[in-house]
Amino acid sequence: MIRGRALTLLVPAVLLASSACADGDAGPAPTPSGSSAATSAPPSSAPPATVTAADGDDASACEDGRCQILVKKQSDFALDGKFSCEGMLLTFTAPNELQIDVAVRDGDDLHATITGTGNLALAYGLTVTVQQTGPAGAVVKVAPAKNDPGNHKGTGTQGFSLYSGDGT
């Protein structure tokens, strides 16, 4: 009698152990028709190897506050007081990070980092948007916008940071 009881307890334990192993190594479960399900994954949409921008890598195109440029490593441009800014320095770090340093005319300079795609909306009426990143750099659009006049805001699909001053 004890022997039958031990066997009754042992069978569920063996079944549980075999089902735990089946999840990782047994392959796909059979379909109702008895054939195996396809094992190949759907093709991934890999990011494009090259990125392009309307104004190429000519940062001087941004001096009027309207451009789309490719930032390969560093790009800077003057704004000469437009949008309450003297200028910007954009620094790309592969694979997908853009640092934005804004020289503010009458106030503390601003520093933002966008990881992935996203934007920095300056209270001064200018928005910097990272539209795409790739091995060659980041496609950045600079454009006037009706932003919140009391706040600088931003986003990043993989991270965002913003601070003012010299960082000390």
Protein backbone atom coordinates (compact mmCIF):
# COMPACT_ATOMS: atom_id res chain seq x y z
CA MET A 1 0.00 0.00 0.00
CA ILE A 2 2.82 2.38 0.82
CA ARG A 3 4.51 1.44 -2.41
CA GLY A 4 1.43 2.44 -4.46
CA ARG A 5 1.20 5.75 -2.64
CA ALA A 6 4.86 6.56 -3.33
CA LEU A 7 4.36 5.79 -6.99
CA THR A 8 1.28 8.05 -7.08
CA LEU A 9 3.33 10.93 -5.67
CA LEU A 10 6.31 10.21 -7.91
CA VAL A 11 4.40 10.28 -11.22
CA PRO A 12 3.12 13.90 -10.83
CA ALA A 13 6.64 15.01 -9.83
CA VAL A 14 8.17 13.39 -12.92
CA LEU A 15 5.51 14.92 -15.17
CA LEU A 16 6.10 18.35 -13.64
CA ALA A 17 9.87 18.06 -14.12
CA SER A 18 9.54 16.90 -17.72
CA SER A 19 7.15 19.75 -18.58
CA ALA A 20 9.57 22.29 -17.09
CA CYS A 21 12.34 20.98 -19.34
CA ALA A 22 10.08 20.90 -22.38
CA ASP A 23 9.62 24.68 -22.30
CA GLY A 24 13.22 25.43 -23.21
CA ASP A 25 14.63 22.59 -25.34
CA ALA A 26 11.87 20.49 -26.89
CA GLY A 27 11.24 22.83 -29.82
CA PRO A 28 7.87 24.00 -31.07
CA ALA A 29 4.68 22.32 -30.01
CA PRO A 30 2.93 20.34 -32.72
CA THR A 31 0.08 22.06 -34.47
CA PRO A 32 -3.39 20.48 -34.45
CA SER A 33 -2.63 18.78 -37.79
CA GLY A 34 0.41 17.10 -36.22
CA SER A 35 3.05 19.04 -38.18
CA SER A 36 5.62 21.27 -36.52
CA ALA A 37 5.12 25.02 -36.31
CA ALA A 38 7.62 27.15 -38.21
CA THR A 39 10.74 27.81 -36.17
CA SER A 40 12.06 30.84 -38.01
CA ALA A 41 11.50 34.25 -36.45
CA PRO A 42 9.96 37.01 -38.52
CA PRO A 43 12.56 39.19 -40.22
CA SER A 44 13.70 42.02 -37.99
CA SER A 45 13.59 45.57 -39.17
CA ALA A 46 17.21 46.55 -38.63
CA PRO A 47 17.96 50.27 -38.48
CA PRO A 48 19.25 51.67 -41.75
CA ALA A 49 23.01 51.67 -42.11
CA THR A 50 23.06 55.25 -43.37
CA VAL A 51 21.15 58.33 -42.32
CA THR A 52 20.63 61.46 -44.39
CA ALA A 53 19.37 64.96 -43.69
CA ALA A 54 17.95 67.71 -45.91
CA ASP A 55 20.82 70.10 -45.12
CA GLY A 56 23.50 67.41 -44.99
CA ASP A 57 26.02 68.10 -42.23
CA ASP A 58 26.01 71.89 -42.79
CA ALA A 59 25.30 73.28 -39.31
CA SER A 60 25.31 76.84 -40.63
CA ALA A 61 21.91 76.01 -42.14
CA CYS A 62 20.56 76.17 -38.56
CA GLU A 63 21.49 79.80 -37.96
CA ASP A 64 17.97 80.97 -38.80
CA GLY A 65 16.46 78.37 -36.42
CA ARG A 66 15.23 76.09 -39.22
CA CYS A 67 17.21 73.11 -40.47
CA GLN A 68 17.61 69.36 -40.65
CA ILE A 69 21.24 68.28 -40.29
CA LEU A 70 23.28 65.16 -39.78
CA VAL A 71 25.42 65.42 -36.64
CA LYS A 72 28.34 63.02 -37.13
CA LYS A 73 30.37 63.97 -34.07
CA GLN A 74 30.01 67.66 -33.24
CA SER A 75 28.17 70.50 -34.90
CA ASP A 76 27.75 74.03 -33.67
CA PHE A 77 25.92 77.05 -34.96
CA ALA A 78 25.29 80.63 -33.92
CA LEU A 79 21.82 81.99 -33.28
CA ASP A 80 23.00 85.54 -32.49
CA GLY A 81 20.33 86.18 -29.91
CA LYS A 82 17.46 84.67 -31.87
CA PHE A 83 15.20 82.67 -29.54
CA SER A 84 17.16 84.21 -26.60
CA CYS A 85 20.11 81.98 -27.53
CA GLU A 86 23.62 82.78 -28.69
CA GLY A 87 24.19 79.35 -30.20
CA MET A 88 24.18 75.57 -29.79
CA LEU A 89 26.71 72.79 -29.70
CA LEU A 90 25.40 69.34 -30.67
CA THR A 91 27.53 66.29 -29.84
CA PHE A 92 26.67 62.78 -31.07
CA THR A 93 27.94 59.71 -29.24
CA ALA A 94 27.31 56.37 -30.94
CA PRO A 95 25.14 54.49 -30.99
CA ASN A 96 22.25 56.85 -30.15
CA GLU A 97 23.02 59.74 -27.79
CA LEU A 98 22.89 63.45 -28.57
CA GLN A 99 24.12 66.07 -26.13
CA ILE A 100 22.79 69.59 -26.64
CA ASP A 101 24.55 72.59 -25.10
CA VAL A 102 22.64 75.87 -25.46
CA ALA A 103 24.37 79.21 -24.85
CA VAL A 104 21.58 81.35 -23.42
CA ARG A 105 21.71 85.11 -23.94
CA ASP A 106 20.51 86.30 -20.50
CA GLY A 107 20.62 83.35 -18.14
CA ASP A 108 22.25 80.05 -17.33
CA ASP A 109 23.29 77.83 -20.22
CA LEU A 110 21.23 74.69 -20.78
CA HIS A 111 22.50 71.15 -21.22
CA ALA A 112 20.35 68.26 -22.39
CA THR A 113 21.00 64.67 -23.39
CA ILE A 114 18.58 62.75 -25.58
CA THR A 115 19.09 59.01 -25.86
CA GLY A 116 17.28 57.44 -28.80
CA THR A 117 14.86 59.73 -30.59
CA GLY A 118 13.12 62.62 -28.86
CA ASN A 119 13.19 66.37 -28.47
CA LEU A 120 14.16 69.37 -26.41
CA ALA A 121 11.47 72.09 -26.39
CA LEU A 122 13.03 75.34 -25.24
CA ALA A 123 10.84 77.90 -23.48
CA TYR A 124 12.32 80.44 -25.90
CA GLY A 125 10.29 79.03 -28.82
CA LEU A 126 12.77 76.65 -30.43
CA THR A 127 12.61 72.85 -30.58
CA VAL A 128 15.50 70.47 -31.28
CA THR A 129 14.31 67.02 -32.39
CA VAL A 130 16.40 63.87 -32.83
CA GLN A 131 14.54 62.18 -35.67
CA GLN A 132 16.84 59.24 -36.31
CA THR A 133 20.17 57.79 -35.19
CA GLY A 134 22.51 55.39 -36.90
CA PRO A 135 26.18 54.48 -37.17
CA ALA A 136 26.86 57.65 -39.18
CA GLY A 137 25.28 60.02 -36.66
CA ALA A 138 21.98 61.63 -35.67
CA VAL A 139 19.47 63.39 -37.90
CA VAL A 140 18.49 66.53 -36.00
CA LYS A 141 15.73 68.97 -36.88
CA VAL A 142 15.76 72.50 -35.43
CA ALA A 143 12.56 74.50 -35.79
CA PRO A 144 10.61 77.32 -34.15
CA ALA A 145 7.67 76.14 -32.06
CA LYS A 146 5.08 77.49 -29.66
CA ASN A 147 6.50 75.94 -26.52
CA ASP A 148 5.58 76.53 -22.88
CA PRO A 149 7.18 79.95 -22.22
CA GLY A 150 7.79 79.08 -18.58
CA ASN A 151 9.45 75.68 -18.95
CA HIS A 152 12.02 73.77 -20.95
CA LYS A 153 10.83 70.22 -21.64
CA GLY A 154 12.09 67.16 -23.40
CA THR A 155 11.73 63.50 -24.20
CA GLY A 156 13.91 60.60 -25.23
CA THR A 157 12.79 57.13 -26.21
CA GLN A 158 15.68 55.66 -24.21
CA GLY A 159 16.40 58.53 -21.83
CA PHE A 160 16.45 62.28 -21.35
CA SER A 161 18.23 64.65 -18.99
CA LEU A 162 18.21 68.44 -18.68
CA TYR A 163 20.04 70.85 -16.41
CA SER A 164 21.07 74.48 -16.43
CA GLY A 165 24.24 76.18 -15.28
CA ASP A 166 27.78 74.94 -15.52
CA GLY A 167 27.11 71.55 -13.94
CA THR A 168 29.14 72.20 -10.78
